[in-house]
Amino acid sequence: MSFIEVKGSWDPKFEPVVAAFKANFDPQSTTPEQGAGFSLFHQGKLVVDIYAGSYTQSGSSAPWLQDTLINVFSTTKGVAALCVAHLVEKGLLQYGDRVAEYWPEFAANGKQDMTLAQVLSHQSGLNAFDLPITVEGLLDWDVCCKLLAAQTPCFPPGSRTCYQAVTFGFLVGEIVRRVSGVSLGEYLNKEICQPNNIDFHIGLPESQHGRVADLLPPTRAPYKSKNMPAHALKGMTNPLLRADFMLTPQARQAELPAINGHGTATSIASLYELYRPENDLLSSATLAKTTEVNSTRTDDLLGLPVHWAMGLVVNALANTYGKEPTTFGHSGWGGSFGCHDPVNGLSIGYVCSQMSPDLVGDARSQSLIEQAYACIG
């Protein structure tokens, strides 16, 4: 293995986690790291906060720093879910509310009774745009929201589950905007990140672009099931997402609450710490509602039985985030993830520049999670 210096800080008890992190840089591993960060809270204490490697931006290389930002694709969804949970905590939303109560135009074409819970748990039937759209078209918020408001669901809401890879951000973001009066990115910044000194952004100011690492695209396309329903396939191909699109200044500045959050491992772990009632952002009652499983059927796009709560994946029997069934979180295309284990008091964040092609089960994150649990016994 080539020499890699792991920087940052860690409790000696968690040395095996650091070793696993370093091993992920081995050129012989499945997806060798180029630059990455990993952070772990245990019982309210930051016990691992590490980073290593280098990153590229516009062809130039630089050492990965503690505050290096990177786009985390769908890991953003778990952050968007936190914004919604905060509105629920403040009494401005309820998960059982009809979307059309806040977004009247949304009632068109059979959506008058669709609930916020159905949107958050990927049961809306709006997992893709019906009309052809380019990735550049995603930058026009108003047009995308109008398209979804006018669209007919591809299945009766609540009857199936199909991951809303891109549309989730517009659906949830527009609801937040209608209720709060500001965009989801603004709400996140003003209500959650600034008060808690957390460096995560949905809609990255141009002044911060200089510290963003470029994503390195995966060596192959994500696996697609041969039996994937047409509506699910459309969710992956209309538009066809490209990693290089996320390198443009326009994509970084836009607010795409499903796919373009920018943060660090520390910021993601810190956001999941805020799901703990002890940190006074959410009450135990709100947390229970937010993590209540609303769908357990096989997801049409992912091809797996996923336990969807309110914008979050609940571990259940999948062991995506370790051995505790009540752990919840969200992962992103390429390998990043964030999660919280309420039983053992763990909050984890992981970011990387070298994207893995796996939509689920990235070997790097699995090794880190496995060692974290081994260290707490």
Protein backbone atom coordinates (compact mmCIF):
# COMPACT_ATOMS: atom_id res chain seq x y z
CA MET A 1 0.00 0.00 0.00
CA SER A 2 1.31 3.45 -0.87
CA PHE A 3 1.90 5.74 2.08
CA ILE A 4 -1.18 7.64 3.18
CA GLU A 5 -1.12 9.98 6.13
CA VAL A 6 -4.40 10.06 8.01
CA LYS A 7 -4.94 13.49 9.53
CA GLY A 8 -7.38 14.78 12.10
CA SER A 9 -8.14 13.46 15.56
CA TRP A 10 -9.49 10.29 17.16
CA ASP A 11 -9.95 8.57 20.48
CA PRO A 12 -7.38 5.73 20.71
CA LYS A 13 -10.27 3.34 21.41
CA PHE A 14 -11.34 3.84 17.78
CA GLU A 15 -7.95 3.12 16.21
CA PRO A 16 -9.46 0.20 14.19
CA VAL A 17 -11.75 2.69 12.45
CA VAL A 18 -8.73 4.75 11.44
CA ALA A 19 -7.01 1.60 10.16
CA ALA A 20 -10.07 0.71 8.07
CA PHE A 21 -10.17 4.25 6.69
CA LYS A 22 -6.51 4.01 5.70
CA ALA A 23 -7.03 0.57 4.12
CA ASN A 24 -9.63 2.08 1.79
CA PHE A 25 -6.78 3.95 0.07
CA ASP A 26 -5.10 0.67 -0.94
CA PRO A 27 -4.80 0.67 -4.76
CA GLN A 28 -5.85 -2.99 -4.69
CA SER A 29 -9.15 -2.32 -2.95
CA THR A 30 -12.45 -2.44 -4.82
CA THR A 31 -12.76 1.33 -5.11
CA PRO A 32 -9.47 2.94 -3.99
CA GLU A 33 -9.92 6.26 -2.24
CA GLN A 34 -8.33 9.41 -3.66
CA GLY A 35 -9.53 11.83 -0.99
CA ALA A 36 -12.02 11.21 1.80
CA GLY A 37 -13.23 12.13 5.26
CA PHE A 38 -14.94 10.23 8.08
CA SER A 39 -16.47 11.48 11.32
CA LEU A 40 -18.08 9.65 14.22
CA PHE A 41 -19.92 10.87 17.30
CA HIS A 42 -20.45 8.49 20.22
CA GLN A 43 -22.74 9.48 23.08
CA GLY A 44 -22.50 13.14 22.08
CA LYS A 45 -18.70 13.22 21.77
CA LEU A 46 -16.81 13.54 18.48
CA VAL A 47 -14.50 10.51 18.80
CA VAL A 48 -13.26 10.23 15.19
CA ASP A 49 -12.75 13.17 12.83
CA ILE A 50 -10.30 12.18 10.10
CA TYR A 51 -9.40 12.92 6.49
CA ALA A 52 -6.69 11.92 4.03
CA GLY A 53 -5.54 11.96 0.44
CA SER A 54 -5.86 14.69 -2.15
CA TYR A 55 -8.43 16.23 -4.41
CA THR A 56 -8.52 17.73 -7.85
CA GLN A 57 -10.27 20.85 -9.05
CA SER A 58 -10.10 22.00 -12.65
CA GLY A 59 -7.11 19.77 -13.28
CA SER A 60 -5.07 20.94 -10.28
CA SER A 61 -4.34 18.75 -7.26
CA ALA A 62 -4.22 19.73 -3.60
CA PRO A 63 -4.14 17.94 -0.22
CA TRP A 64 -7.56 17.06 1.21
CA LEU A 65 -8.25 19.41 4.12
CA GLN A 66 -10.64 19.18 7.03
CA ASP A 67 -12.88 21.79 5.40
CA THR A 68 -12.73 20.42 1.85
CA LEU A 69 -16.28 20.35 0.51
CA ILE A 70 -17.74 17.84 -1.90
CA ASN A 71 -21.11 17.13 -3.46
CA VAL A 72 -22.73 14.16 -1.71
CA PHE A 73 -25.60 13.46 -4.14
CA SER A 74 -28.52 11.74 -2.35
CA THR A 75 -26.97 12.01 1.10
CA THR A 76 -28.54 15.45 0.70
CA LYS A 77 -32.00 13.89 1.08
CA GLY A 78 -31.41 13.06 4.75
CA VAL A 79 -30.54 16.72 5.35
CA ALA A 80 -33.68 17.87 3.52
CA ALA A 81 -35.64 15.48 5.75
CA LEU A 82 -34.20 17.23 8.81
CA CYS A 83 -35.56 20.57 7.55
CA VAL A 84 -39.03 19.06 7.20
CA ALA A 85 -38.78 17.49 10.65
CA HIS A 86 -37.89 20.89 12.08
CA LEU A 87 -41.02 22.40 10.52
CA VAL A 88 -43.03 19.56 12.05
CA GLU A 89 -41.41 20.30 15.41
CA LYS A 90 -42.48 23.95 15.10
CA GLY A 91 -46.06 22.92 14.31
CA LEU A 92 -46.00 24.33 10.77
CA LEU A 93 -46.39 20.93 9.11
CA GLN A 94 -47.74 17.48 9.88
CA TYR A 95 -46.65 14.38 8.00
CA GLY A 96 -50.27 13.40 7.36
CA ASP A 97 -51.10 16.74 5.73
CA ARG A 98 -52.20 16.83 2.12
CA VAL A 99 -49.56 18.47 -0.09
CA ALA A 100 -52.28 20.51 -1.83
CA GLU A 101 -53.08 22.30 1.44
CA TYR A 102 -49.83 24.23 0.98
CA TRP A 103 -49.40 23.92 -2.79
CA PRO A 104 -52.89 24.27 -4.33
CA GLU A 105 -51.74 23.72 -7.94
CA PHE A 106 -50.48 20.29 -6.90
CA ALA A 107 -54.05 18.95 -6.61
CA ALA A 108 -54.27 18.48 -10.39
CA ASN A 109 -54.67 15.08 -12.04
CA GLY A 110 -55.49 12.88 -9.09
CA LYS A 111 -53.03 14.28 -6.53
CA GLN A 112 -55.55 16.14 -4.36
CA ASP A 113 -55.22 13.64 -1.49
CA MET A 114 -51.51 12.88 -1.72
CA THR A 115 -49.85 13.38 1.66
CA LEU A 116 -46.49 14.72 2.69
CA ALA A 117 -45.75 11.27 4.16
CA GLN A 118 -46.30 9.63 0.77
CA VAL A 119 -43.89 12.07 -0.85
CA LEU A 120 -41.22 11.60 1.82
CA SER A 121 -41.50 7.80 1.72
CA HIS A 122 -41.23 7.62 -2.09
CA GLN A 123 -44.82 6.47 -2.61
CA SER A 124 -46.00 9.47 -4.68
CA GLY A 125 -45.85 8.01 -8.18
CA LEU A 126 -43.89 11.12 -9.16
CA ASN A 127 -40.49 9.46 -9.24
CA ALA A 128 -39.67 10.90 -12.68
CA PHE A 129 -40.63 13.75 -14.97
CA ASP A 130 -43.08 12.68 -17.67
CA LEU A 131 -41.86 15.23 -20.20
CA PRO A 132 -38.26 14.97 -21.42
CA ILE A 133 -35.86 17.11 -19.40
CA THR A 134 -32.11 17.69 -19.55
CA VAL A 135 -29.79 17.99 -16.56
CA GLU A 136 -29.48 21.68 -17.40
CA GLY A 137 -33.27 21.88 -17.16
CA LEU A 138 -33.02 20.96 -13.48
CA LEU A 139 -31.60 24.42 -12.82
CA ASP A 140 -35.02 26.02 -13.46
CA TRP A 141 -36.81 25.51 -10.16
CA ASP A 142 -40.16 27.03 -11.17
CA VAL A 143 -40.45 25.03 -14.38
CA CYS A 144 -39.63 21.74 -12.63
CA CYS A 145 -42.18 22.39 -9.88
CA LYS A 146 -44.86 23.32 -12.42
CA LEU A 147 -44.22 20.11 -14.33
CA LEU A 148 -44.63 17.99 -11.21
CA ALA A 149 -47.71 19.91 -10.04
CA ALA A 150 -49.43 19.23 -13.38
CA GLN A 151 -48.31 15.63 -13.71
CA THR A 152 -50.43 12.49 -13.25
CA PRO A 153 -48.82 9.94 -10.89
CA CYS A 154 -47.58 6.80 -12.64
CA PHE A 155 -49.33 4.72 -9.97
CA PRO A 156 -51.98 5.50 -7.34
CA PRO A 157 -50.17 7.26 -4.47
CA GLY A 158 -49.42 4.83 -1.68
CA SER A 159 -49.88 1.71 -3.81
CA ARG A 160 -46.22 1.22 -4.78
CA THR A 161 -42.79 2.52 -3.80
CA CYS A 162 -40.35 3.97 -6.30
CA TYR A 163 -37.30 5.99 -5.32
CA GLN A 164 -37.63 9.65 -6.32
CA ALA A 165 -33.97 10.11 -7.20
CA VAL A 166 -34.26 13.67 -8.53
CA THR A 167 -37.90 14.73 -8.12
CA PHE A 168 -37.75 14.32 -4.31
CA GLY A 169 -35.85 17.60 -4.05
CA PHE A 170 -38.40 19.66 -5.96
CA LEU A 171 -41.38 18.08 -4.19
CA VAL A 172 -39.98 18.49 -0.69
CA GLY A 173 -38.25 21.80 -1.42
CA GLU A 174 -41.38 23.43 -2.80
CA ILE A 175 -43.42 22.31 0.21
CA VAL A 176 -40.79 23.82 2.53
CA ARG A 177 -40.82 27.04 0.49
CA ARG A 178 -44.61 27.32 0.58
CA VAL A 179 -44.73 26.74 4.33
CA SER A 180 -41.69 28.73 5.51
CA GLY A 181 -41.52 31.47 2.88
CA VAL A 182 -37.88 30.68 2.04
CA SER A 183 -36.17 28.04 -0.06
CA LEU A 184 -35.08 24.80 1.57
CA GLY A 185 -31.42 25.81 1.22
CA GLU A 186 -32.09 29.12 2.95
CA TYR A 187 -34.08 27.40 5.67
CA LEU A 188 -31.27 24.91 6.27
CA ASN A 189 -28.71 27.69 6.49
CA LYS A 190 -30.61 30.09 8.73
CA GLU A 191 -32.50 27.69 11.00
CA ILE A 192 -30.11 24.76 11.35
CA CYS A 193 -26.57 25.21 10.06
CA GLN A 194 -25.72 28.75 11.17
CA PRO A 195 -27.04 28.34 14.75
CA ASN A 196 -25.08 25.10 15.12
CA ASN A 197 -21.93 26.15 13.20
CA ILE A 198 -22.35 23.37 10.61
CA ASP A 199 -20.62 23.65 7.23
CA PHE A 200 -23.21 22.11 4.89
CA HIS A 201 -24.88 23.82 1.94
CA ILE A 202 -27.76 23.18 -0.44
CA GLY A 203 -27.00 25.93 -2.92
CA LEU A 204 -23.29 26.66 -2.49
CA PRO A 205 -22.30 30.37 -2.64
CA GLU A 206 -19.79 31.13 -5.37
CA SER A 207 -17.37 32.40 -2.73
CA GLN A 208 -17.03 28.82 -1.43
CA HIS A 209 -16.42 27.08 -4.77
CA GLY A 210 -12.64 27.26 -4.34
CA ARG A 211 -12.66 24.58 -1.64
CA VAL A 212 -14.83 22.04 -3.47
CA ALA A 213 -13.26 18.75 -4.55
CA ASP A 214 -14.20 17.46 -7.98
CA LEU A 215 -16.06 14.17 -8.03
CA LEU A 216 -14.20 11.43 -9.90
CA PRO A 217 -16.78 9.43 -11.90
CA PRO A 218 -17.24 5.70 -11.30
CA THR A 219 -15.61 3.24 -13.64
CA ARG A 220 -18.97 1.82 -14.71
CA ALA A 221 -22.64 2.78 -14.67
CA PRO A 222 -24.84 1.76 -11.72
CA TYR A 223 -26.42 -1.67 -11.97
CA LYS A 224 -29.93 -1.63 -13.41
CA SER A 225 -32.29 -4.56 -12.95
CA LYS A 226 -33.41 -6.18 -16.20
CA ASN A 227 -36.93 -6.27 -14.80
CA MET A 228 -37.07 -2.62 -13.75
CA PRO A 229 -40.51 -1.12 -14.50
CA ALA A 230 -40.60 1.55 -17.18
CA HIS A 231 -41.53 4.29 -14.72
CA ALA A 232 -38.54 3.41 -12.54
CA LEU A 233 -36.16 3.36 -15.49
CA LYS A 234 -37.40 6.81 -16.45
CA GLY A 235 -36.36 7.99 -13.00
CA MET A 236 -32.75 7.03 -13.80
CA THR A 237 -32.68 8.30 -17.38
CA ASN A 238 -34.88 11.44 -17.52
CA PRO A 239 -32.59 13.18 -17.07
CA LEU A 240 -29.51 11.00 -17.13
CA LEU A 241 -27.40 12.32 -14.27
CA ARG A 242 -23.72 12.84 -14.90
CA ALA A 243 -21.05 13.39 -12.28
CA ASP A 244 -19.42 16.08 -14.41
CA PHE A 245 -22.62 18.15 -14.37
CA MET A 246 -22.06 18.64 -10.65
CA LEU A 247 -18.68 20.24 -11.33
CA THR A 248 -20.18 23.30 -12.98
CA PRO A 249 -20.59 26.57 -11.06
CA GLN A 250 -24.27 26.67 -12.04
CA ALA A 251 -24.97 23.22 -10.56
CA ARG A 252 -23.08 24.03 -7.37
CA GLN A 253 -24.98 27.28 -6.83
CA ALA A 254 -28.40 25.82 -7.61
CA GLU A 255 -30.62 24.39 -4.91
CA LEU A 256 -31.30 20.74 -5.75
CA PRO A 257 -32.31 19.26 -2.36
CA ALA A 258 -32.20 15.69 -3.66
CA ILE A 259 -28.73 15.63 -5.19
CA ASN A 260 -26.40 18.58 -4.70
CA GLY A 261 -25.69 19.15 -1.02
CA HIS A 262 -22.08 20.12 -0.37
CA GLY A 263 -20.45 19.31 2.93
CA THR A 264 -17.75 17.54 4.90
CA ALA A 265 -17.84 14.32 6.87
CA THR A 266 -17.92 16.40 10.05
CA SER A 267 -20.87 18.45 8.89
CA ILE A 268 -22.90 15.38 7.91
CA ALA A 269 -22.24 13.65 11.24
CA SER A 270 -23.09 16.89 13.06
CA LEU A 271 -26.41 17.17 11.22
CA TYR A 272 -27.31 13.62 12.22
CA GLU A 273 -26.42 14.49 15.81
CA LEU A 274 -29.23 17.07 15.61
CA TYR A 275 -31.71 14.23 15.16
CA ARG A 276 -31.01 13.40 18.83
CA PRO A 277 -33.65 14.95 21.11
CA GLU A 278 -30.84 15.76 23.57
CA ASN A 279 -29.67 18.46 21.17
CA ASP A 280 -32.98 20.35 21.38
CA LEU A 281 -33.74 20.66 17.65
CA LEU A 282 -36.34 17.88 17.64
CA SER A 283 -38.40 16.43 20.47
CA SER A 284 -38.70 12.69 21.08
CA ALA A 285 -42.25 12.86 19.75
CA THR A 286 -41.16 14.45 16.48
CA LEU A 287 -38.27 12.01 16.11
CA ALA A 288 -40.67 9.09 16.54
CA LYS A 289 -42.91 10.45 13.76
CA THR A 290 -39.95 11.21 11.51
CA THR A 291 -38.49 7.71 11.79
CA GLU A 292 -41.80 5.82 11.60
CA VAL A 293 -41.61 3.36 8.71
CA ASN A 294 -44.26 4.04 6.06
CA SER A 295 -43.22 1.58 3.37
CA THR A 296 -41.49 -1.81 3.49
CA ARG A 297 -42.27 -3.13 0.01
CA THR A 298 -39.64 -3.70 -2.67
CA ASP A 299 -38.65 -0.39 -4.23
CA ASP A 300 -39.29 -0.39 -7.99
CA LEU A 301 -36.03 1.42 -8.78
CA LEU A 302 -33.67 0.01 -6.16
CA GLY A 303 -35.00 -3.54 -6.51
CA LEU A 304 -34.76 -4.14 -2.77
CA PRO A 305 -37.22 -4.02 0.13
CA VAL A 306 -36.44 -0.64 1.67
CA HIS A 307 -37.89 0.59 4.97
CA TRP A 308 -38.72 4.21 4.12
CA ALA A 309 -39.56 6.65 6.90
CA MET A 310 -39.95 10.43 6.42
CA GLY A 311 -37.17 10.98 3.87
CA LEU A 312 -34.91 8.52 5.68
CA VAL A 313 -33.95 4.87 5.33
CA VAL A 314 -34.52 2.86 8.51
CA ASN A 315 -32.06 0.01 8.88
CA ALA A 316 -34.58 -2.70 9.84
CA LEU A 317 -33.13 -6.01 8.59
CA ALA A 318 -30.98 -4.59 5.78
CA ASN A 319 -27.98 -3.73 8.00
CA THR A 320 -27.03 -0.93 5.64
CA TYR A 321 -25.89 1.15 8.60
CA GLY A 322 -24.71 -1.51 11.02
CA LYS A 323 -26.40 -3.99 13.28
CA GLU A 324 -29.02 -1.85 15.06
CA PRO A 325 -32.46 -2.10 13.35
CA THR A 326 -33.57 1.38 14.39
CA THR A 327 -30.58 3.19 12.87
CA PHE A 328 -31.66 5.62 10.16
CA GLY A 329 -29.85 7.62 7.51
CA HIS A 330 -29.32 8.20 3.82
CA SER A 331 -26.58 7.41 1.30
CA GLY A 332 -25.58 9.10 -1.94
CA TRP A 333 -24.49 7.94 -5.36
CA GLY A 334 -20.74 7.50 -5.18
CA GLY A 335 -20.49 6.26 -1.61
CA SER A 336 -21.13 9.11 0.85
CA PHE A 337 -23.59 8.62 3.71
CA GLY A 338 -24.85 9.91 7.02
CA CYS A 339 -26.71 8.01 9.74
CA HIS A 340 -27.73 7.99 13.39
CA ASP A 341 -28.10 5.05 15.77
CA PRO A 342 -30.38 6.19 18.62
CA VAL A 343 -29.74 3.05 20.70
CA ASN A 344 -25.94 3.31 20.83
CA GLY A 345 -25.73 7.07 20.40
CA LEU A 346 -23.74 6.98 17.15
CA SER A 347 -23.82 9.63 14.41
CA ILE A 348 -21.66 9.06 11.34
CA GLY A 349 -20.66 11.04 8.25
CA TYR A 350 -18.54 9.88 5.33
CA VAL A 351 -17.51 11.67 2.11
CA CYS A 352 -15.26 10.66 -0.78
CA SER A 353 -14.17 11.98 -4.16
CA GLN A 354 -13.76 8.66 -5.99
CA MET A 355 -17.28 7.56 -6.76
CA SER A 356 -18.28 3.92 -6.47
CA PRO A 357 -20.75 2.58 -9.05
CA ASP A 358 -22.79 0.84 -6.34
CA LEU A 359 -26.12 2.45 -5.44
CA VAL A 360 -26.17 0.47 -2.19
CA GLY A 361 -23.59 -1.49 -0.21
CA ASP A 362 -20.39 0.47 -0.88
CA ALA A 363 -17.54 -1.67 0.50
CA ARG A 364 -15.64 1.33 1.91
CA SER A 365 -18.51 2.56 4.04
CA GLN A 366 -19.38 -0.96 5.16
CA SER A 367 -15.86 -1.53 6.50
CA LEU A 368 -15.94 1.75 8.41
CA ILE A 369 -19.32 1.02 9.97
CA GLU A 370 -18.27 -2.51 10.89
CA GLN A 371 -15.19 -1.25 12.73
CA ALA A 372 -17.14 1.49 14.50
CA TYR A 373 -19.46 -1.12 16.01
CA ALA A 374 -16.57 -3.38 16.87
CA CYS A 375 -15.01 -0.54 18.86
CA ILE A 376 -18.09 0.12 21.00
CA GLY A 377 -18.55 -3.62 21.70
